[in-house]
Amino acid sequence: MGDDPQSLAFFSDVRPEQWAWYQSFGGGPSYVTPELRRENRASGWRALLRSLGCLFLVLGLLTAVPLVALLTGTRASSGWSPVILGVLIFGLVWFIRILAAAARQQEQNRKDAKAAARAGKAFGAPGGVRAAGARFGAAQVEAGAVGEEATALLLDLVLSIPGTAVFHGLQFPHDDAADVDHAVARGNVVFLIDSKLYRWGTYEWHVRRDRDLIVRADGYGSPRHNAMHAAAEGYRALLGPRIEVIPLVLVHGKNVRIGQSSVSSHGVHMATAGQAMERIGNTLAATVGSWPANPAVHAALEGKLKPFPQPPAGPKAP
């Protein structure tokens, strides 16, 4: 999945150029700096010089082979054909390796620049739901992780709004096995986001025995219980009454729509990715100039980050 938000078109109705806040703030931390361009140009020049060296070496070897054959009197021998072919293959492999190394270096430069631009603004890691594969099933967990990673890519865009911070993988109140996928904070506003990746259809809220259920409007499939209202209550208690906590279910999926019942009985909003990003960005942008950044809120949310799951240790050497 690429960094360009348009690459998410398969998942959602993402059209950043149509969002007022995106037009105002440019969208995302700007990591394509003059330093990055300079480093990548230098990497390209080094690759060019190595390629020229490779070319000259191959030409030199191809020139040397006939001379050796002439001096040894074996010019008409067919034994030199494999040697010439070997030189050509050697040159081609070397050339490909030079280009691949340059591409890897430029990609690493880009990743380093992006990490530097996000430093102090983005915390945690998306996709932590993969650790719960045994509990929910591998297929369901993988769909959830893809949804989280897609949302994380989009949430990078709001980091261009001054004072905004994004958090991935927070502790769910009173449930160590669950988590809140994402939080976005600026000033006294905090969005708590639950990422979903659904197949096509229209989704809406339904109430059953005071439970928030996500259903498909045509009745296909089983209702999905959602407890984001409980997460919102817990974080309101943590952050205090002056902080507005807005729970939101963000739905990715091709040809996915949200029905008329887009707000649950407990006040949890549901929106497609495009709708959600437009609302989040417009809300945060409206606080610029009115509410300053709130370091206390950022610190409280950072303290609730769950540790990123580590891969299992390999067998010990005997």
Protein backbone atom coordinates (compact mmCIF):
# COMPACT_ATOMS: atom_id res chain seq x y z
CA MET A 1 0.00 0.00 0.00
CA GLY A 2 1.58 3.26 -1.11
CA ASP A 3 1.85 6.62 0.63
CA ASP A 4 -0.35 8.35 -1.93
CA PRO A 5 -3.88 8.57 -0.44
CA GLN A 6 -5.30 7.98 -3.90
CA SER A 7 -3.92 4.43 -3.68
CA LEU A 8 -6.72 3.77 -1.17
CA ALA A 9 -9.41 4.26 -3.81
CA PHE A 10 -10.00 0.49 -3.82
CA PHE A 11 -10.90 0.63 -0.14
CA SER A 12 -12.89 3.82 0.16
CA ASP A 13 -14.30 7.05 -1.22
CA VAL A 14 -11.13 8.99 -0.50
CA ARG A 15 -10.95 12.30 -2.41
CA PRO A 16 -8.57 14.56 -0.43
CA GLU A 17 -8.58 17.34 -3.00
CA GLN A 18 -12.27 17.92 -2.22
CA TRP A 19 -11.75 18.50 1.51
CA ALA A 20 -11.64 22.12 2.68
CA TRP A 21 -9.10 21.41 5.43
CA TYR A 22 -6.82 19.55 3.02
CA GLN A 23 -6.86 22.49 0.62
CA SER A 24 -6.00 24.85 3.50
CA PHE A 25 -3.20 22.85 5.13
CA GLY A 26 -1.75 20.83 2.27
CA GLY A 27 -2.38 17.41 3.75
CA GLY A 28 0.16 15.41 5.71
CA PRO A 29 3.60 16.10 7.16
CA SER A 30 5.85 17.43 4.40
CA TYR A 31 8.78 15.05 4.33
CA VAL A 32 9.84 15.72 0.73
CA THR A 33 12.41 18.28 1.84
CA PRO A 34 15.33 19.82 -0.07
CA GLU A 35 17.61 17.56 1.98
CA LEU A 36 15.73 14.46 0.81
CA ARG A 37 15.87 15.59 -2.82
CA ARG A 38 19.60 16.31 -2.45
CA GLU A 39 20.31 12.89 -0.93
CA ASN A 40 18.32 11.09 -3.62
CA ARG A 41 20.04 13.07 -6.37
CA ALA A 42 23.41 12.13 -4.87
CA SER A 43 22.33 8.50 -4.79
CA GLY A 44 21.32 8.75 -8.44
CA TRP A 45 24.65 10.29 -9.46
CA ARG A 46 26.56 7.57 -7.60
CA ALA A 47 24.53 4.93 -9.41
CA LEU A 48 25.25 6.63 -12.74
CA LEU A 49 29.00 6.69 -12.05
CA ARG A 50 28.98 3.02 -11.04
CA SER A 51 27.00 2.17 -14.17
CA LEU A 52 29.56 3.96 -16.33
CA GLY A 53 32.32 2.07 -14.53
CA CYS A 54 30.47 -1.17 -15.22
CA LEU A 55 30.09 -0.24 -18.90
CA PHE A 56 33.77 0.63 -19.31
CA LEU A 57 34.84 -2.59 -17.59
CA VAL A 58 32.61 -4.71 -19.82
CA LEU A 59 33.83 -2.90 -22.95
CA GLY A 60 37.41 -3.38 -21.78
CA LEU A 61 36.89 -7.09 -21.25
CA LEU A 62 35.14 -7.47 -24.61
CA THR A 63 38.10 -5.69 -26.24
CA ALA A 64 40.64 -7.77 -24.35
CA VAL A 65 39.14 -11.11 -25.34
CA PRO A 66 39.78 -10.73 -29.13
CA LEU A 67 43.26 -9.40 -28.44
CA VAL A 68 44.12 -12.42 -26.31
CA ALA A 69 42.63 -14.70 -28.94
CA LEU A 70 44.69 -12.99 -31.63
CA LEU A 71 47.92 -13.18 -29.64
CA THR A 72 47.41 -16.84 -28.80
CA GLY A 73 46.40 -17.79 -32.34
CA THR A 74 43.03 -19.11 -31.22
CA ARG A 75 40.93 -16.37 -32.83
CA ALA A 76 38.93 -18.88 -34.90
CA SER A 77 38.28 -21.12 -31.89
CA SER A 78 34.65 -21.39 -30.74
CA GLY A 79 35.87 -21.63 -27.15
CA TRP A 80 35.84 -17.85 -26.81
CA SER A 81 32.06 -17.57 -27.34
CA PRO A 82 31.19 -18.72 -23.79
CA VAL A 83 33.76 -16.25 -22.44
CA ILE A 84 32.16 -13.35 -24.31
CA LEU A 85 28.69 -14.47 -23.20
CA GLY A 86 29.90 -14.69 -19.61
CA VAL A 87 31.29 -11.14 -19.77
CA LEU A 88 27.96 -9.83 -21.07
CA ILE A 89 25.98 -11.65 -18.37
CA PHE A 90 28.39 -10.41 -15.69
CA GLY A 91 27.93 -6.82 -16.90
CA LEU A 92 24.15 -7.12 -17.00
CA VAL A 93 23.94 -8.57 -13.48
CA TRP A 94 26.27 -5.90 -12.12
CA PHE A 95 24.24 -3.16 -13.81
CA ILE A 96 20.98 -4.48 -12.35
CA ARG A 97 22.52 -4.69 -8.88
CA ILE A 98 23.69 -1.06 -9.13
CA LEU A 99 20.18 0.13 -10.03
CA ALA A 100 18.56 -2.00 -7.30
CA ALA A 101 20.97 -0.67 -4.66
CA ALA A 102 20.23 2.92 -5.71
CA ALA A 103 16.49 2.30 -5.53
CA ARG A 104 16.82 0.75 -2.06
CA GLN A 105 18.89 3.70 -0.83
CA GLN A 106 16.38 6.24 -2.16
CA GLU A 107 13.51 4.34 -0.54
CA GLN A 108 15.39 4.26 2.77
CA ASN A 109 16.05 8.00 2.50
CA ARG A 110 12.34 8.57 1.97
CA LYS A 111 11.39 6.41 4.96
CA ASP A 112 13.90 8.19 7.20
CA ALA A 113 12.61 11.60 6.11
CA LYS A 114 9.00 10.54 6.69
CA ALA A 115 9.83 9.21 10.16
CA ALA A 116 11.54 12.50 11.01
CA ALA A 117 8.52 14.50 9.81
CA ARG A 118 6.16 12.37 11.95
CA ALA A 119 8.34 12.50 15.07
CA GLY A 120 6.42 13.92 18.01
CA LYS A 121 3.15 13.82 16.01
CA ALA A 122 2.37 10.14 15.44
CA PHE A 123 2.67 7.46 18.11
CA GLY A 124 2.16 3.71 18.29
CA ALA A 125 1.80 1.27 15.40
CA PRO A 126 -1.33 0.15 13.52
CA GLY A 127 -2.15 -3.48 12.86
CA GLY A 128 -1.74 -4.65 16.45
CA VAL A 129 -4.96 -6.65 16.08
CA ARG A 130 -2.88 -9.36 14.39
CA ALA A 131 -1.81 -10.44 17.86
CA ALA A 132 -5.41 -11.55 18.49
CA GLY A 133 -5.49 -14.06 15.63
CA ALA A 134 -6.13 -17.00 17.96
CA ARG A 135 -9.09 -15.20 19.56
CA PHE A 136 -10.94 -13.92 16.48
CA GLY A 137 -9.65 -16.03 13.59
CA ALA A 138 -6.86 -15.30 11.12
CA ALA A 139 -9.10 -14.04 8.27
CA GLN A 140 -11.07 -11.63 10.45
CA VAL A 141 -7.93 -10.36 12.15
CA GLU A 142 -6.14 -9.78 8.84
CA ALA A 143 -9.11 -7.77 7.52
CA GLY A 144 -9.04 -5.72 10.71
CA ALA A 145 -5.30 -5.10 10.39
CA VAL A 146 -5.65 -3.98 6.76
CA GLY A 147 -8.38 -1.56 7.83
CA GLU A 148 -6.18 -0.16 10.63
CA GLU A 149 -3.21 0.31 8.32
CA ALA A 150 -5.36 2.02 5.70
CA THR A 151 -6.74 4.39 8.33
CA ALA A 152 -3.25 5.09 9.67
CA LEU A 153 -2.13 6.10 6.19
CA LEU A 154 -5.04 8.53 5.92
CA LEU A 155 -4.54 9.94 9.41
CA ASP A 156 -1.03 11.00 8.46
CA LEU A 157 -2.74 13.67 6.38
CA VAL A 158 -4.20 15.51 9.40
CA LEU A 159 -0.71 15.92 10.87
CA SER A 160 -0.37 18.99 8.66
CA ILE A 161 -2.89 20.75 10.94
CA PRO A 162 -0.73 22.45 13.63
CA GLY A 163 -0.90 20.91 17.08
CA THR A 164 -2.49 17.64 15.91
CA ALA A 165 -1.29 14.27 17.16
CA VAL A 166 -2.28 10.76 16.08
CA PHE A 167 -2.12 7.61 18.23
CA HIS A 168 -2.43 3.98 17.08
CA GLY A 169 -3.35 1.06 19.34
CA LEU A 170 -4.59 2.37 22.68
CA GLN A 171 -5.80 0.46 25.72
CA PHE A 172 -9.54 -0.21 25.73
CA PRO A 173 -11.00 0.73 29.13
CA HIS A 174 -11.48 -2.25 31.44
CA ASP A 175 -10.54 -4.80 28.75
CA ASP A 176 -6.87 -5.72 28.37
CA ALA A 177 -7.60 -7.95 25.36
CA ALA A 178 -9.20 -5.17 23.27
CA ASP A 179 -7.89 -1.87 22.02
CA VAL A 180 -8.95 1.41 20.50
CA ASP A 181 -7.55 1.40 16.97
CA HIS A 182 -6.73 5.12 16.71
CA ALA A 183 -7.08 8.47 18.42
CA VAL A 184 -6.66 11.92 16.90
CA ALA A 185 -6.25 14.88 19.24
CA ARG A 186 -6.00 18.62 18.87
CA GLY A 187 -6.80 21.18 21.53
CA ASN A 188 -9.79 19.96 23.54
CA VAL A 189 -11.09 17.58 20.83
CA VAL A 190 -10.28 13.88 20.69
CA PHE A 191 -11.59 11.46 18.07
CA LEU A 192 -11.55 7.78 19.03
CA ILE A 193 -11.64 5.70 15.86
CA ASP A 194 -12.55 2.08 15.24
CA SER A 195 -11.38 0.94 11.77
CA LYS A 196 -13.45 -1.55 9.78
CA LEU A 197 -12.94 -3.20 6.40
CA TYR A 198 -16.29 -4.44 5.04
CA ARG A 199 -17.49 -5.88 1.76
CA TRP A 200 -19.87 -3.89 -0.40
CA GLY A 201 -23.24 -2.81 1.01
CA THR A 202 -24.99 -0.16 3.07
CA TYR A 203 -24.29 -0.27 6.81
CA GLU A 204 -26.13 1.40 9.68
CA TRP A 205 -26.76 1.20 13.39
CA HIS A 206 -29.35 -1.01 15.04
CA VAL A 207 -30.24 -1.24 18.72
CA ARG A 208 -30.92 -4.54 20.45
CA ARG A 209 -31.23 -4.74 24.22
CA ASP A 210 -29.33 -1.48 24.62
CA ARG A 211 -26.44 -2.78 22.52
CA ASP A 212 -25.01 -0.91 19.53
CA LEU A 213 -25.04 -3.23 16.52
CA ILE A 214 -23.70 -2.60 13.01
CA VAL A 215 -25.98 -4.23 10.43
CA ARG A 216 -26.21 -4.32 6.67
CA ALA A 217 -29.36 -2.57 5.47
CA ASP A 218 -30.40 -5.52 3.29
CA GLY A 219 -30.25 -7.87 6.28
CA TYR A 220 -27.35 -9.91 4.92
CA GLY A 221 -24.93 -11.28 7.50
CA SER A 222 -24.95 -11.24 11.27
CA PRO A 223 -25.12 -8.01 13.30
CA ARG A 224 -21.75 -6.87 14.63
CA HIS A 225 -21.64 -5.65 18.22
CA ASN A 226 -19.67 -2.46 18.74
CA ALA A 227 -18.54 -1.07 22.10
CA MET A 228 -16.96 2.23 21.09
CA HIS A 229 -19.38 4.06 23.39
CA ALA A 230 -17.76 2.27 26.34
CA ALA A 231 -14.33 3.35 25.11
CA ALA A 232 -15.57 6.95 24.86
CA GLU A 233 -16.92 6.85 28.41
CA GLY A 234 -13.60 5.56 29.72
CA TYR A 235 -11.57 8.21 27.95
CA ARG A 236 -13.93 10.98 29.02
CA ALA A 237 -13.31 9.92 32.60
CA LEU A 238 -9.55 9.90 31.93
CA LEU A 239 -9.33 13.25 30.13
CA GLY A 240 -11.88 15.23 32.13
CA PRO A 241 -15.12 17.08 31.34
CA ARG A 242 -13.48 19.87 29.34
CA ILE A 243 -12.33 17.46 26.62
CA GLU A 244 -14.80 16.55 23.90
CA VAL A 245 -14.38 12.86 23.05
CA ILE A 246 -16.03 11.79 19.78
CA PRO A 247 -16.28 8.04 19.06
CA LEU A 248 -16.30 7.13 15.37
CA VAL A 249 -16.45 3.92 13.36
CA LEU A 250 -14.57 4.43 10.09
CA VAL A 251 -15.53 1.94 7.38
CA HIS A 252 -13.32 1.02 4.43
CA GLY A 253 -14.59 -1.01 1.51
CA LYS A 254 -15.34 -0.89 -2.18
CA ASN A 255 -18.92 0.29 -2.81
CA VAL A 256 -19.55 0.69 0.93
CA ARG A 257 -22.16 3.23 2.06
CA ILE A 258 -23.62 4.36 5.37
CA GLY A 259 -27.39 4.33 5.83
CA GLN A 260 -29.65 6.91 7.45
CA SER A 261 -28.97 5.60 10.96
CA SER A 262 -25.37 6.84 11.06
CA VAL A 263 -25.28 7.70 14.79
CA SER A 264 -25.89 4.96 17.34
CA SER A 265 -28.17 5.26 20.35
CA HIS A 266 -25.03 5.85 22.43
CA GLY A 267 -23.72 8.63 20.19
CA VAL A 268 -21.14 6.68 18.16
CA HIS A 269 -20.79 8.02 14.63
CA MET A 270 -20.29 5.78 11.60
CA ALA A 271 -18.88 7.02 8.28
CA THR A 272 -17.00 5.86 5.23
CA ALA A 273 -13.30 6.68 5.16
CA GLY A 274 -13.79 9.71 2.94
CA GLN A 275 -16.66 11.08 5.03
CA ALA A 276 -14.78 10.48 8.28
CA MET A 277 -11.58 12.15 7.13
CA GLU A 278 -13.49 15.19 5.92
CA ARG A 279 -15.28 15.54 9.27
CA ILE A 280 -12.18 14.96 11.37
CA GLY A 281 -10.06 17.38 9.38
CA ASN A 282 -12.71 20.12 9.26
CA THR A 283 -13.34 19.81 13.01
CA LEU A 284 -9.65 20.02 13.90
CA ALA A 285 -8.99 22.83 11.42
CA ALA A 286 -11.81 24.87 12.96
CA THR A 287 -10.00 24.84 16.34
CA VAL A 288 -6.82 26.41 14.91
CA GLY A 289 -6.55 29.92 16.29
CA SER A 290 -9.16 29.21 18.97
CA TRP A 291 -7.68 26.32 20.94
CA PRO A 292 -3.94 25.81 21.32
CA ALA A 293 -2.38 22.38 21.30
CA ASN A 294 -3.04 20.50 24.53
CA PRO A 295 0.13 18.70 25.71
CA ALA A 296 -1.71 17.21 28.72
CA VAL A 297 -4.17 15.40 26.45
CA HIS A 298 -1.33 14.18 24.23
CA ALA A 299 0.59 12.88 27.25
CA ALA A 300 -2.49 11.09 28.63
CA LEU A 301 -3.16 9.36 25.32
CA GLU A 302 0.48 8.44 24.85
CA GLY A 303 0.38 6.82 28.27
CA LYS A 304 -2.45 4.57 27.07
CA LEU A 305 -0.57 3.15 24.07
CA LYS A 306 -0.38 -0.61 24.08
CA PRO A 307 3.06 -2.12 23.47
CA PHE A 308 3.49 -3.23 19.91
CA PRO A 309 3.46 -7.06 19.83
CA GLN A 310 6.89 -8.56 19.40
CA PRO A 311 7.49 -11.61 17.17
CA PRO A 312 7.90 -14.88 19.05
CA ALA A 313 11.44 -15.77 19.99
CA GLY A 314 13.12 -18.46 17.95
CA PRO A 315 14.40 -21.73 19.44
CA LYS A 316 17.43 -21.39 21.66
CA ALA A 317 20.71 -22.80 20.41
CA PRO A 318 21.75 -25.97 22.21
